[in-house]
Amino acid sequence: LRSDSGARARYLSVKRAAAADATGWGEYTARKAGIVT
């Protein structure tokens, strides 16, 4: 994420969607799991 702006942008897009919809930290983390993998 530090070195690849494209990867950072993909991750941020998923993070923002997860934060907007998640009801808690566990759900937020679970919603990001696919992009992390």
Full PDB file with SEQRES, HELIX, SHEET, SSBOND, CRYST1, ORIGX, SCALE, CONECT and MASTER records, all heavy atoms in Angstrom:
SEQRES   1 A   37  LEU ARG SER ASP SER GLY ALA ARG ALA ARG TYR LEU SER          
SEQRES   2 A   37  VAL LYS ARG ALA ALA ALA ALA ASP ALA THR GLY TRP GLY          
SEQRES   3 A   37  GLU TYR THR ALA ARG LYS ALA GLY ILE VAL THR                  
HELIX    1 AA1 SER A    5  ASP A   21  1                                  17    
HELIX    2 AA2 TRP A   25  VAL A   36  1                                  12    
CRYST1    1.000    1.000    1.000  90.00  90.00  90.00 P 1           1          
ORIGX1      1.000000  0.000000  0.000000        0.00000                         
ORIGX2      0.000000  1.000000  0.000000        0.00000                         
ORIGX3      0.000000  0.000000  1.000000        0.00000                         
SCALE1      1.000000  0.000000  0.000000        0.00000                         
SCALE2      0.000000  1.000000  0.000000        0.00000                         
SCALE3      0.000000  0.000000  1.000000        0.00000                         
ATOM      1  N   LEU A   1       0.823  -1.212   0.000  1.00  0.00           N  
ATOM      2  CA  LEU A   1       0.000   0.000   0.000  1.00  0.00           C  
ATOM      3  C   LEU A   1       0.855   1.260   0.000  1.00  0.00           C  
ATOM      4  O   LEU A   1       0.465   2.274  -0.584  1.00  0.00           O  
ATOM      5  CB  LEU A   1      -0.955  -0.001   1.192  1.00  0.00           C  
ATOM      6  CG  LEU A   1      -2.029  -1.079   1.176  1.00  0.00           C  
ATOM      7  CD1 LEU A   1      -2.893  -0.985   2.430  1.00  0.00           C  
ATOM      8  CD2 LEU A   1      -2.885  -1.018  -0.076  1.00  0.00           C  
ATOM      9  N   ARG A   2       2.011   1.200   0.627  1.00  0.00           N  
ATOM     10  CA  ARG A   2       2.917   2.353   0.616  1.00  0.00           C  
ATOM     11  C   ARG A   2       3.486   2.608  -0.775  1.00  0.00           C  
ATOM     12  O   ARG A   2       3.694   3.763  -1.154  1.00  0.00           O  
ATOM     13  CB  ARG A   2       4.080   2.123   1.586  1.00  0.00           C  
ATOM     14  CG  ARG A   2       3.741   2.307   3.044  1.00  0.00           C  
ATOM     15  CD  ARG A   2       4.944   1.999   3.915  1.00  0.00           C  
ATOM     16  NE  ARG A   2       4.721   2.348   5.310  1.00  0.00           N  
ATOM     17  CZ  ARG A   2       5.576   2.061   6.276  1.00  0.00           C  
ATOM     18  NH1 ARG A   2       6.710   1.434   6.013  1.00  0.00           N  
ATOM     19  NH2 ARG A   2       5.290   2.408   7.516  1.00  0.00           N  
ATOM     20  N   SER A   3       3.759   1.559  -1.525  1.00  0.00           N  
ATOM     21  CA  SER A   3       4.499   1.707  -2.784  1.00  0.00           C  
ATOM     22  C   SER A   3       3.645   1.675  -4.042  1.00  0.00           C  
ATOM     23  O   SER A   3       4.108   2.092  -5.097  1.00  0.00           O  
ATOM     24  CB  SER A   3       5.564   0.607  -2.882  1.00  0.00           C  
ATOM     25  OG  SER A   3       4.946  -0.674  -2.982  1.00  0.00           O  
ATOM     26  N   ASP A   4       2.409   1.214  -3.964  1.00  0.00           N  
ATOM     27  CA  ASP A   4       1.587   1.007  -5.162  1.00  0.00           C  
ATOM     28  C   ASP A   4       0.301   1.827  -5.055  1.00  0.00           C  
ATOM     29  O   ASP A   4      -0.635   1.442  -4.352  1.00  0.00           O  
ATOM     30  CB  ASP A   4       1.290  -0.487  -5.311  1.00  0.00           C  
ATOM     31  CG  ASP A   4       0.530  -0.834  -6.575  1.00  0.00           C  
ATOM     32  OD1 ASP A   4      -0.248   0.006  -7.088  1.00  0.00           O  
ATOM     33  OD2 ASP A   4       0.698  -1.973  -7.049  1.00  0.00           O  
ATOM     34  N   SER A   5       0.255   2.953  -5.759  1.00  0.00           N  
ATOM     35  CA  SER A   5      -0.912   3.836  -5.661  1.00  0.00           C  
ATOM     36  C   SER A   5      -2.182   3.168  -6.181  1.00  0.00           C  
ATOM     37  O   SER A   5      -3.274   3.441  -5.683  1.00  0.00           O  
ATOM     38  CB  SER A   5      -0.658   5.150  -6.402  1.00  0.00           C  
ATOM     39  OG  SER A   5      -0.435   4.906  -7.778  1.00  0.00           O  
ATOM     40  N   GLY A   6      -2.062   2.277  -7.162  1.00  0.00           N  
ATOM     41  CA  GLY A   6      -3.231   1.556  -7.664  1.00  0.00           C  
ATOM     42  C   GLY A   6      -3.812   0.622  -6.614  1.00  0.00           C  
ATOM     43  O   GLY A   6      -5.036   0.564  -6.422  1.00  0.00           O  
ATOM     44  N   ALA A   7      -2.946  -0.119  -5.940  1.00  0.00           N  
ATOM     45  CA  ALA A   7      -3.400  -1.010  -4.864  1.00  0.00           C  
ATOM     46  C   ALA A   7      -4.018  -0.192  -3.739  1.00  0.00           C  
ATOM     47  O   ALA A   7      -5.057  -0.565  -3.172  1.00  0.00           O  
ATOM     48  CB  ALA A   7      -2.231  -1.844  -4.343  1.00  0.00           C  
ATOM     49  N   ARG A   8      -3.390   0.928  -3.418  1.00  0.00           N  
ATOM     50  CA  ARG A   8      -3.903   1.806  -2.361  1.00  0.00           C  
ATOM     51  C   ARG A   8      -5.296   2.317  -2.727  1.00  0.00           C  
ATOM     52  O   ARG A   8      -6.203   2.333  -1.893  1.00  0.00           O  
ATOM     53  CB  ARG A   8      -2.920   2.959  -2.132  1.00  0.00           C  
ATOM     54  CG  ARG A   8      -3.173   3.755  -0.900  1.00  0.00           C  
ATOM     55  CD  ARG A   8      -2.012   4.676  -0.533  1.00  0.00           C  
ATOM     56  NE  ARG A   8      -1.544   5.516  -1.611  1.00  0.00           N  
ATOM     57  CZ  ARG A   8      -0.357   5.389  -2.220  1.00  0.00           C  
ATOM     58  NH1 ARG A   8       0.503   4.470  -1.860  1.00  0.00           N  
ATOM     59  NH2 ARG A   8      -0.017   6.207  -3.202  1.00  0.00           N  
ATOM     60  N   ALA A   9      -5.507   2.709  -3.977  1.00  0.00           N  
ATOM     61  CA  ALA A   9      -6.812   3.220  -4.410  1.00  0.00           C  
ATOM     62  C   ALA A   9      -7.878   2.122  -4.363  1.00  0.00           C  
ATOM     63  O   ALA A   9      -9.013   2.370  -3.930  1.00  0.00           O  
ATOM     64  CB  ALA A   9      -6.703   3.791  -5.823  1.00  0.00           C  
ATOM     65  N   ARG A  10      -7.529   0.909  -4.796  1.00  0.00           N  
ATOM     66  CA  ARG A  10      -8.478  -0.218  -4.744  1.00  0.00           C  
ATOM     67  C   ARG A  10      -8.879  -0.501  -3.296  1.00  0.00           C  
ATOM     68  O   ARG A  10     -10.055  -0.702  -2.991  1.00  0.00           O  
ATOM     69  CB  ARG A  10      -7.866  -1.469  -5.370  1.00  0.00           C  
ATOM     70  CG  ARG A  10      -7.745  -1.404  -6.881  1.00  0.00           C  
ATOM     71  CD  ARG A  10      -7.073  -2.631  -7.464  1.00  0.00           C  
ATOM     72  NE  ARG A  10      -7.775  -3.869  -7.113  1.00  0.00           N  
ATOM     73  CZ  ARG A  10      -7.197  -5.066  -7.152  1.00  0.00           C  
ATOM     74  NH1 ARG A  10      -5.934  -5.206  -7.512  1.00  0.00           N  
ATOM     75  NH2 ARG A  10      -7.890  -6.141  -6.836  1.00  0.00           N  
ATOM     76  N   TYR A  11      -7.894  -0.525  -2.425  1.00  0.00           N  
ATOM     77  CA  TYR A  11      -8.151  -0.804  -1.018  1.00  0.00           C  
ATOM     78  C   TYR A  11      -9.005   0.302  -0.396  1.00  0.00           C  
ATOM     79  O   TYR A  11      -9.976   0.017   0.325  1.00  0.00           O  
ATOM     80  CB  TYR A  11      -6.824  -0.961  -0.271  1.00  0.00           C  
ATOM     81  CG  TYR A  11      -6.977  -1.298   1.178  1.00  0.00           C  
ATOM     82  CD1 TYR A  11      -7.597  -2.477   1.590  1.00  0.00           C  
ATOM     83  CD2 TYR A  11      -6.501  -0.440   2.162  1.00  0.00           C  
ATOM     84  CE1 TYR A  11      -7.735  -2.792   2.931  1.00  0.00           C  
ATOM     85  CE2 TYR A  11      -6.632  -0.751   3.505  1.00  0.00           C  
ATOM     86  CZ  TYR A  11      -7.257  -1.930   3.887  1.00  0.00           C  
ATOM     87  OH  TYR A  11      -7.385  -2.225   5.218  1.00  0.00           O  
ATOM     88  N   LEU A  12      -8.682   1.549  -0.686  1.00  0.00           N  
ATOM     89  CA  LEU A  12      -9.438   2.671  -0.127  1.00  0.00           C  
ATOM     90  C   LEU A  12     -10.902   2.627  -0.569  1.00  0.00           C  
ATOM     91  O   LEU A  12     -11.801   2.901   0.232  1.00  0.00           O  
ATOM     92  CB  LEU A  12      -8.800   4.003  -0.521  1.00  0.00           C  
ATOM     93  CG  LEU A  12      -9.519   5.252  -0.011  1.00  0.00           C  
ATOM     94  CD1 LEU A  12      -9.676   5.237   1.506  1.00  0.00           C  
ATOM     95  CD2 LEU A  12      -8.773   6.505  -0.469  1.00  0.00           C  
ATOM     96  N   SER A  13     -11.155   2.274  -1.805  1.00  0.00           N  
ATOM     97  CA  SER A  13     -12.523   2.180  -2.293  1.00  0.00           C  
ATOM     98  C   SER A  13     -13.330   1.172  -1.472  1.00  0.00           C  
ATOM     99  O   SER A  13     -14.464   1.447  -1.053  1.00  0.00           O  
ATOM    100  CB  SER A  13     -12.517   1.785  -3.767  1.00  0.00           C  
ATOM    101  OG  SER A  13     -13.835   1.612  -4.235  1.00  0.00           O  
ATOM    102  N   VAL A  14     -12.740   0.019  -1.214  1.00  0.00           N  
ATOM    103  CA  VAL A  14     -13.414  -1.009  -0.416  1.00  0.00           C  
ATOM    104  C   VAL A  14     -13.554  -0.544   1.038  1.00  0.00           C  
ATOM    105  O   VAL A  14     -14.591  -0.756   1.663  1.00  0.00           O  
ATOM    106  CB  VAL A  14     -12.663  -2.352  -0.522  1.00  0.00           C  
ATOM    107  CG1 VAL A  14     -13.228  -3.384   0.445  1.00  0.00           C  
ATOM    108  CG2 VAL A  14     -12.720  -2.871  -1.956  1.00  0.00           C  
ATOM    109  N   LYS A  15     -12.509   0.082   1.583  1.00  0.00           N  
ATOM    110  CA  LYS A  15     -12.560   0.593   2.960  1.00  0.00           C  
ATOM    111  C   LYS A  15     -13.714   1.576   3.133  1.00  0.00           C  
ATOM    112  O   LYS A  15     -14.447   1.512   4.120  1.00  0.00           O  
ATOM    113  CB  LYS A  15     -11.266   1.354   3.306  1.00  0.00           C  
ATOM    114  CG  LYS A  15     -10.135   0.555   3.790  1.00  0.00           C  
ATOM    115  CD  LYS A  15      -8.899   1.417   3.967  1.00  0.00           C  
ATOM    116  CE  LYS A  15      -9.053   2.489   4.985  1.00  0.00           C  
ATOM    117  NZ  LYS A  15      -8.441   2.213   6.262  1.00  0.00           N  
ATOM    118  N   ARG A  16     -13.845   2.495   2.194  1.00  0.00           N  
ATOM    119  CA  ARG A  16     -14.903   3.510   2.310  1.00  0.00           C  
ATOM    120  C   ARG A  16     -16.289   2.866   2.256  1.00  0.00           C  
ATOM    121  O   ARG A  16     -17.173   3.233   3.034  1.00  0.00           O  
ATOM    122  CB  ARG A  16     -14.744   4.553   1.211  1.00  0.00           C  
ATOM    123  CG  ARG A  16     -13.626   5.526   1.524  1.00  0.00           C  
ATOM    124  CD  ARG A  16     -13.595   6.697   0.562  1.00  0.00           C  
ATOM    125  NE  ARG A  16     -12.696   7.718   1.066  1.00  0.00           N  
ATOM    126  CZ  ARG A  16     -11.859   8.399   0.324  1.00  0.00           C  
ATOM    127  NH1 ARG A  16     -11.785   8.196  -0.987  1.00  0.00           N  
ATOM    128  NH2 ARG A  16     -11.081   9.314   0.873  1.00  0.00           N  
ATOM    129  N   ALA A  17     -16.474   1.917   1.361  1.00  0.00           N  
ATOM    130  CA  ALA A  17     -17.766   1.228   1.273  1.00  0.00           C  
ATOM    131  C   ALA A  17     -18.041   0.433   2.547  1.00  0.00           C  
ATOM    132  O   ALA A  17     -19.162   0.448   3.067  1.00  0.00           O  
ATOM    133  CB  ALA A  17     -17.794   0.312   0.047  1.00  0.00           C  
ATOM    134  N   ALA A  18     -17.029  -0.237   3.055  1.00  0.00           N  
ATOM    135  CA  ALA A  18     -17.194  -1.024   4.285  1.00  0.00           C  
ATOM    136  C   ALA A  18     -17.524  -0.116   5.465  1.00  0.00           C  
ATOM    137  O   ALA A  18     -18.413  -0.431   6.267  1.00  0.00           O  
ATOM    138  CB  ALA A  18     -15.932  -1.832   4.562  1.00  0.00           C  
ATOM    139  N   ALA A  19     -16.831   0.995   5.585  1.00  0.00           N  
ATOM    140  CA  ALA A  19     -17.082   1.926   6.693  1.00  0.00           C  
ATOM    141  C   ALA A  19     -18.489   2.521   6.600  1.00  0.00           C  
ATOM    142  O   ALA A  19     -19.146   2.740   7.627  1.00  0.00           O  
ATOM    143  CB  ALA A  19     -16.041   3.039   6.708  1.00  0.00           C  
ATOM    144  N   ALA A  20     -18.965   2.761   5.387  1.00  0.00           N  
ATOM    145  CA  ALA A  20     -20.287   3.361   5.206  1.00  0.00           C  
ATOM    146  C   ALA A  20     -21.404   2.407   5.607  1.00  0.00           C  
ATOM    147  O   ALA A  20     -22.458   2.856   6.080  1.00  0.00           O  
ATOM    148  CB  ALA A  20     -20.468   3.787   3.753  1.00  0.00           C  
ATOM    149  N   ASP A  21     -21.180   1.107   5.442  1.00  0.00           N  
ATOM    150  CA  ASP A  21     -22.251   0.130   5.655  1.00  0.00           C  
ATOM    151  C   ASP A  21     -22.113  -0.725   6.903  1.00  0.00           C  
ATOM    152  O   ASP A  21     -23.105  -1.267   7.383  1.00  0.00           O  
ATOM    153  CB  ASP A  21     -22.339  -0.812   4.446  1.00  0.00           C  
ATOM    154  CG  ASP A  21     -22.745  -0.088   3.176  1.00  0.00           C  
ATOM    155  OD1 ASP A  21     -23.399   0.961   3.273  1.00  0.00           O  
ATOM    156  OD2 ASP A  21     -22.389  -0.577   2.092  1.00  0.00           O  
ATOM    157  N   ALA A  22     -20.913  -0.900   7.404  1.00  0.00           N  
ATOM    158  CA  ALA A  22     -20.696  -1.835   8.508  1.00  0.00           C  
ATOM    159  C   ALA A  22     -21.329  -1.332   9.799  1.00  0.00           C  
ATOM    160  O   ALA A  22     -21.350  -0.134  10.069  1.00  0.00           O  
ATOM    161  CB  ALA A  22     -19.200  -2.061   8.707  1.00  0.00           C  
ATOM    162  N   THR A  23     -21.815  -2.261  10.592  1.00  0.00           N  
ATOM    163  CA  THR A  23     -22.415  -1.912  11.873  1.00  0.00           C  
ATOM    164  C   THR A  23     -21.427  -2.048  13.030  1.00  0.00           C  
ATOM    165  O   THR A  23     -21.772  -1.781  14.165  1.00  0.00           O  
ATOM    166  CB  THR A  23     -23.643  -2.796  12.168  1.00  0.00           C  
ATOM    167  OG1 THR A  23     -23.238  -4.155  12.133  1.00  0.00           O  
ATOM    168  CG2 THR A  23     -24.733  -2.531  11.150  1.00  0.00           C  
ATOM    169  N   GLY A  24     -20.226  -2.461  12.746  1.00  0.00           N  
ATOM    170  CA  GLY A  24     -19.210  -2.590  13.790  1.00  0.00           C  
ATOM    171  C   GLY A  24     -17.881  -2.994  13.189  1.00  0.00           C  
ATOM    172  O   GLY A  24     -17.767  -3.242  11.991  1.00  0.00           O  
ATOM    173  N   TRP A  25     -16.868  -3.071  14.054  1.00  0.00           N  
ATOM    174  CA  TRP A  25     -15.512  -3.353  13.589  1.00  0.00           C  
ATOM    175  C   TRP A  25     -15.382  -4.728  12.967  1.00  0.00           C  
ATOM    176  O   TRP A  25     -14.666  -4.907  11.983  1.00  0.00           O  
ATOM    177  CB  TRP A  25     -14.534  -3.200  14.747  1.00  0.00           C  
ATOM    178  CG  TRP A  25     -14.214  -1.788  15.042  1.00  0.00           C  
ATOM    179  CD1 TRP A  25     -15.088  -0.745  15.155  1.00  0.00           C  
ATOM    180  CD2 TRP A  25     -12.924  -1.251  15.250  1.00  0.00           C  
ATOM    181  NE1 TRP A  25     -14.403   0.401  15.436  1.00  0.00           N  
ATOM    182  CE2 TRP A  25     -13.073   0.111  15.510  1.00  0.00           C  
ATOM    183  CE3 TRP A  25     -11.658  -1.801  15.267  1.00  0.00           C  
ATOM    184  CZ2 TRP A  25     -12.005   0.947  15.761  1.00  0.00           C  
ATOM    185  CZ3 TRP A  25     -10.587  -0.975  15.535  1.00  0.00           C  
ATOM    186  CH2 TRP A  25     -10.767   0.379  15.766  1.00  0.00           C  
ATOM    187  N   GLY A  26     -16.028  -5.718  13.541  1.00  0.00           N  
ATOM    188  CA  GLY A  26     -15.936  -7.069  12.989  1.00  0.00           C  
ATOM    189  C   GLY A  26     -16.471  -7.128  11.574  1.00  0.00           C  
ATOM    190  O   GLY A  26     -15.844  -7.716  10.683  1.00  0.00           O  
ATOM    191  N   GLU A  27     -17.611  -6.510  11.356  1.00  0.00           N  
ATOM    192  CA  GLU A  27     -18.196  -6.492  10.015  1.00  0.00           C  
ATOM    193  C   GLU A  27     -17.331  -5.674   9.057  1.00  0.00           C  
ATOM    194  O   GLU A  27     -17.130  -6.058   7.902  1.00  0.00           O  
ATOM    195  CB  GLU A  27     -19.612  -5.919  10.070  1.00  0.00           C  
ATOM    196  CG  GLU A  27     -20.323  -5.968   8.731  1.00  0.00           C  
ATOM    197  CD  GLU A  27     -21.729  -5.399   8.792  1.00  0.00           C  
ATOM    198  OE1 GLU A  27     -22.281  -5.201   9.897  1.00  0.00           O  
ATOM    199  OE2 GLU A  27     -22.276  -5.142   7.705  1.00  0.00           O  
ATOM    200  N   TYR A  28     -16.811  -4.561   9.523  1.00  0.00           N  
ATOM    201  CA  TYR A  28     -15.916  -3.724   8.707  1.00  0.00           C  
ATOM    202  C   TYR A  28     -14.704  -4.535   8.248  1.00  0.00           C  
ATOM    203  O   TYR A  28     -14.361  -4.547   7.066  1.00  0.00           O  
ATOM    204  CB  TYR A  28     -15.492  -2.506   9.525  1.00  0.00           C  
ATOM    205  CG  TYR A  28     -14.395  -1.672   8.915  1.00  0.00           C  
ATOM    206  CD1 TYR A  28     -14.657  -0.819   7.840  1.00  0.00           C  
ATOM    207  CD2 TYR A  28     -13.101  -1.715   9.423  1.00  0.00           C  
ATOM    208  CE1 TYR A  28     -13.657  -0.032   7.293  1.00  0.00           C  
ATOM    209  CE2 TYR A  28     -12.097  -0.925   8.887  1.00  0.00           C  
ATOM    210  CZ  TYR A  28     -12.374  -0.097   7.817  1.00  0.00           C  
ATOM    211  OH  TYR A  28     -11.379   0.680   7.271  1.00  0.00           O  
ATOM    212  N   THR A  29     -14.086  -5.244   9.176  1.00  0.00           N  
ATOM    213  CA  THR A  29     -12.919  -6.060   8.841  1.00  0.00           C  
ATOM    214  C   THR A  29     -13.297  -7.168   7.868  1.00  0.00           C  
ATOM    215  O   THR A  29     -12.574  -7.418   6.891  1.00  0.00           O  
ATOM    216  CB  THR A  29     -12.303  -6.646  10.127  1.00  0.00           C  
ATOM    217  OG1 THR A  29     -11.908  -5.553  10.973  1.00  0.00           O  
ATOM    218  CG2 THR A  29     -11.106  -7.517   9.831  1.00  0.00           C  
ATOM    219  N   ALA A  30     -14.420  -7.816   8.097  1.00  0.00           N  
ATOM    220  CA  ALA A  30     -14.865  -8.897   7.216  1.00  0.00           C  
ATOM    221  C   ALA A  30     -15.122  -8.393   5.796  1.00  0.00           C  
ATOM    222  O   ALA A  30     -14.787  -9.073   4.816  1.00  0.00           O  
ATOM    223  CB  ALA A  30     -16.124  -9.552   7.784  1.00  0.00           C  
ATOM    224  N   ARG A  31     -15.666  -7.199   5.672  1.00  0.00           N  
ATOM    225  CA  ARG A  31     -15.970  -6.652   4.347  1.00  0.00           C  
ATOM    226  C   ARG A  31     -14.704  -6.289   3.566  1.00  0.00           C  
ATOM    227  O   ARG A  31     -14.746  -6.167   2.346  1.00  0.00           O  
ATOM    228  CB  ARG A  31     -16.877  -5.433   4.465  1.00  0.00           C  
ATOM    229  CG  ARG A  31     -18.287  -5.824   4.835  1.00  0.00           C  
ATOM    230  CD  ARG A  31     -19.159  -4.604   4.964  1.00  0.00           C  
ATOM    231  NE  ARG A  31     -20.503  -5.000   5.328  1.00  0.00           N  
ATOM    232  CZ  ARG A  31     -21.586  -4.477   4.791  1.00  0.00           C  
ATOM    233  NH1 ARG A  31     -21.487  -3.541   3.866  1.00  0.00           N  
ATOM    234  NH2 ARG A  31     -22.771  -4.880   5.182  1.00  0.00           N  
ATOM    235  N   LYS A  32     -13.592  -6.108   4.258  1.00  0.00           N  
ATOM    236  CA  LYS A  32     -12.320  -5.803   3.582  1.00  0.00           C  
ATOM    237  C   LYS A  32     -11.506  -7.059   3.273  1.00  0.00           C  
ATOM    238  O   LYS A  32     -10.523  -6.987   2.549  1.00  0.00           O  
ATOM    239  CB  LYS A  32     -11.468  -4.868   4.449  1.00  0.00           C  
ATOM    240  CG  LYS A  32     -12.068  -3.515   4.705  1.00  0.00           C  
ATOM    241  CD  LYS A  32     -11.122  -2.619   5.477  1.00  0.00           C  
ATOM    242  CE  LYS A  32     -10.602  -3.306   6.709  1.00  0.00           C  
ATOM    243  NZ  LYS A  32      -9.554  -2.564   7.407  1.00  0.00           N  
ATOM    244  N   ALA A  33     -11.906  -8.189   3.803  1.00  0.00           N  
ATOM    245  CA  ALA A  33     -11.103  -9.411   3.685  1.00  0.00           C  
ATOM    246  C   ALA A  33     -10.827  -9.797   2.229  1.00  0.00           C  
ATOM    247  O   ALA A  33      -9.715 -10.211   1.898  1.00  0.00           O  
ATOM    248  CB  ALA A  33     -11.777 -10.564   4.422  1.00  0.00           C  
ATOM    249  N   GLY A  34     -11.803  -9.655   1.363  1.00  0.00           N  
ATOM    250  CA  GLY A  34     -11.631 -10.046  -0.036  1.00  0.00           C  
ATOM    251  C   GLY A  34     -10.547  -9.238  -0.742  1.00  0.00           C  
ATOM    252  O   GLY A  34      -9.702  -9.805  -1.450  1.00  0.00           O  
ATOM    253  N   ILE A  35     -10.536  -7.932  -0.557  1.00  0.00           N  
ATOM    254  CA  ILE A  35      -9.525  -7.101  -1.219  1.00  0.00           C  
ATOM    255  C   ILE A  35      -8.151  -7.343  -0.610  1.00  0.00           C  
ATOM    256  O   ILE A  35      -7.140  -7.355  -1.318  1.00  0.00           O  
ATOM    257  CB  ILE A  35      -9.894  -5.591  -1.213  1.00  0.00           C  
ATOM    258  CG1 ILE A  35      -8.941  -4.779  -2.090  1.00  0.00           C  
ATOM    259  CG2 ILE A  35      -9.904  -5.024   0.195  1.00  0.00           C  
ATOM    260  CD1 ILE A  35      -8.988  -5.118  -3.558  1.00  0.00           C  
ATOM    261  N   VAL A  36      -8.097  -7.569   0.694  1.00  0.00           N  
ATOM    262  CA  VAL A  36      -6.813  -7.871   1.325  1.00  0.00           C  
ATOM    263  C   VAL A  36      -6.253  -9.163   0.735  1.00  0.00           C  
ATOM    264  O   VAL A  36      -5.087  -9.230   0.345  1.00  0.00           O  
ATOM    265  CB  VAL A  36      -6.947  -7.959   2.860  1.00  0.00           C  
ATOM    266  CG1 VAL A  36      -5.667  -8.486   3.496  1.00  0.00           C  
ATOM    267  CG2 VAL A  36      -7.321  -6.594   3.440  1.00  0.00           C  
ATOM    268  N   THR A  37      -7.089 -10.195   0.631  1.00  0.00           N  
ATOM    269  CA  THR A  37      -6.655 -11.476   0.063  1.00  0.00           C  
ATOM    270  C   THR A  37      -6.204 -11.302  -1.384  1.00  0.00           C  
ATOM    271  O   THR A  37      -5.162 -11.826  -1.785  1.00  0.00           O  
ATOM    272  CB  THR A  37      -7.793 -12.509   0.146  1.00  0.00           C  
ATOM    273  OG1 THR A  37      -8.118 -12.702   1.528  1.00  0.00           O  
ATOM    274  CG2 THR A  37      -7.390 -13.828  -0.484  1.00  0.00           C  
TER     275      THR A  37                                                      
MASTER        0    0    0    2    0    0    0    6  274    1    0    3          
END                                                                             
